[in-house]
Each structure stands twice: as C-alpha cells, then as structure tokens.
C-alpha cells in the first residue's frame, strides 16, 4: 500500500489572511501563474515570498522572473545532487 501526504486545500480568503495580502492580489498571483490554483502550504510560502518582494518595490513582472529563476536554480541544484550521487 502506497502512503502519501494529502495536502489541505486553502481558500483564497484564508490564504490572504495568513499572508497579509488582499484576496485580489492572491487571485492575481494565481492568474499570473505565480502560485497554483490549488492553494496549499507550499503556495502560502510562495505568497509570503511574493509579499516580501513586492514590499521591496518589485512589480509582478519582476516577481515572475525572480520566482522562475529561483525554481530553475532549485531544479539545477537537484540535478547536480542526483549526478553526484550516481558517480
């Protein structure tokens, strides 16, 4: 039997409260693809990161670029670890 952790889905309103963002901003982040449509704890972390970047004066286009670069760097780091493990 395969076990998996079921992630709790979070509503836009709850996500907005927990991240100090307006629900309209959370919806915009979903629309822009900055977070997934199914809000989970992982998306809340991204929304908090978005809030911090926005507070630094970075617009949504800039935040999008930063988050995509961050995800790409993480993927490359995982690939490097995988390659080093298989030596």
Protein backbone atom coordinates (compact mmCIF):
# COMPACT_ATOMS: atom_id res chain seq x y z
CA UNK A 1 0.00 0.00 0.00
CA UNK A 2 1.38 3.40 -1.00
CA UNK A 3 1.14 6.15 1.57
CA UNK A 4 1.03 9.80 0.58
CA UNK A 5 0.52 13.01 2.43
CA UNK A 6 -2.68 14.71 1.46
CA UNK A 7 -2.25 18.46 1.32
CA UNK A 8 -5.08 20.56 2.69
CA UNK A 9 -6.54 22.98 0.18
CA UNK A 10 -6.73 26.56 1.39
CA UNK A 11 -9.30 29.12 0.25
CA UNK A 12 -8.25 32.43 -1.25
CA UNK A 13 -9.67 34.29 1.75
CA UNK A 14 -7.72 32.18 4.25
CA UNK A 15 -4.56 32.48 2.15
CA UNK A 16 -4.99 36.25 2.06
CA UNK A 17 -5.38 36.42 5.84
CA UNK A 18 -2.39 34.16 6.51
CA UNK A 19 -0.09 36.05 4.13
CA UNK A 20 -1.27 39.63 4.79
CA UNK A 21 -2.26 40.03 1.15
CA UNK A 22 -5.57 41.28 -0.23
CA UNK A 23 -7.68 38.48 -1.78
CA UNK A 24 -7.50 40.37 -5.09
CA UNK A 25 -3.69 40.08 -5.00
CA UNK A 26 -3.90 36.35 -4.26
CA UNK A 27 -6.23 35.93 -7.26
CA UNK A 28 -3.80 37.92 -9.42
CA UNK A 29 -0.93 35.66 -8.32
CA UNK A 30 -2.97 32.63 -9.34
CA UNK A 31 -3.92 34.23 -12.67
CA UNK A 32 -0.25 35.09 -13.41
CA UNK A 33 0.78 31.54 -12.55
CA UNK A 34 2.95 32.66 -9.63
CA UNK A 35 1.18 30.07 -7.45
CA UNK A 36 -1.00 27.11 -8.30
CA UNK A 37 -4.77 27.25 -8.42
CA UNK A 38 -4.95 24.72 -5.59
CA UNK A 39 -3.61 26.66 -2.64
CA UNK A 40 -1.57 24.60 -0.17
CA UNK A 41 1.07 25.34 2.46
CA UNK A 42 3.70 25.44 -0.32
CA UNK A 43 1.73 28.14 -2.13
CA UNK A 44 1.40 30.10 1.12
CA UNK A 45 5.20 30.16 1.33
CA UNK A 46 5.35 31.47 -2.24
CA UNK A 47 2.71 34.10 -1.45
CA UNK A 48 4.76 35.27 1.54
CA UNK A 49 7.82 35.47 -0.73
CA UNK A 50 5.75 37.47 -3.24
CA UNK A 51 4.66 39.84 -0.45
CA UNK A 52 8.30 40.40 0.59
CA UNK A 53 9.43 41.03 -3.00
CA UNK A 54 6.51 43.39 -3.56
CA UNK A 55 7.37 45.31 -0.38
CA UNK A 56 10.83 45.86 -1.90
CA UNK A 57 9.13 47.67 -4.80
CA UNK A 58 9.35 44.85 -7.35
CA UNK A 59 6.40 44.67 -9.74
CA UNK A 60 4.59 41.47 -10.74
CA UNK A 61 6.61 41.01 -13.93
CA UNK A 62 9.83 41.23 -11.92
CA UNK A 63 8.49 38.88 -9.26
CA UNK A 64 7.56 36.41 -12.00
CA UNK A 65 11.13 36.46 -13.36
CA UNK A 66 12.65 36.08 -9.88
CA UNK A 67 10.41 33.14 -8.96
CA UNK A 68 11.06 31.37 -12.28
CA UNK A 69 14.83 31.81 -11.85
CA UNK A 70 14.59 30.55 -8.27
CA UNK A 71 12.70 27.43 -9.36
CA UNK A 72 15.19 26.81 -12.17
CA UNK A 73 18.14 27.13 -9.76
CA UNK A 74 16.48 24.66 -7.39
CA UNK A 75 15.94 22.20 -10.25
CA UNK A 76 19.57 22.55 -11.33
CA UNK A 77 20.79 22.02 -7.76
CA UNK A 78 18.68 18.87 -7.50
CA UNK A 79 20.12 17.65 -10.81
CA UNK A 80 23.68 18.29 -9.60
CA UNK A 81 22.97 16.36 -6.40
CA UNK A 82 21.50 13.48 -8.41
CA UNK A 83 24.55 13.37 -10.70
CA UNK A 84 26.98 13.48 -7.78
CA UNK A 85 25.12 10.67 -6.04
CA UNK A 86 25.31 8.46 -9.16
CA UNK A 87 29.08 8.76 -9.56
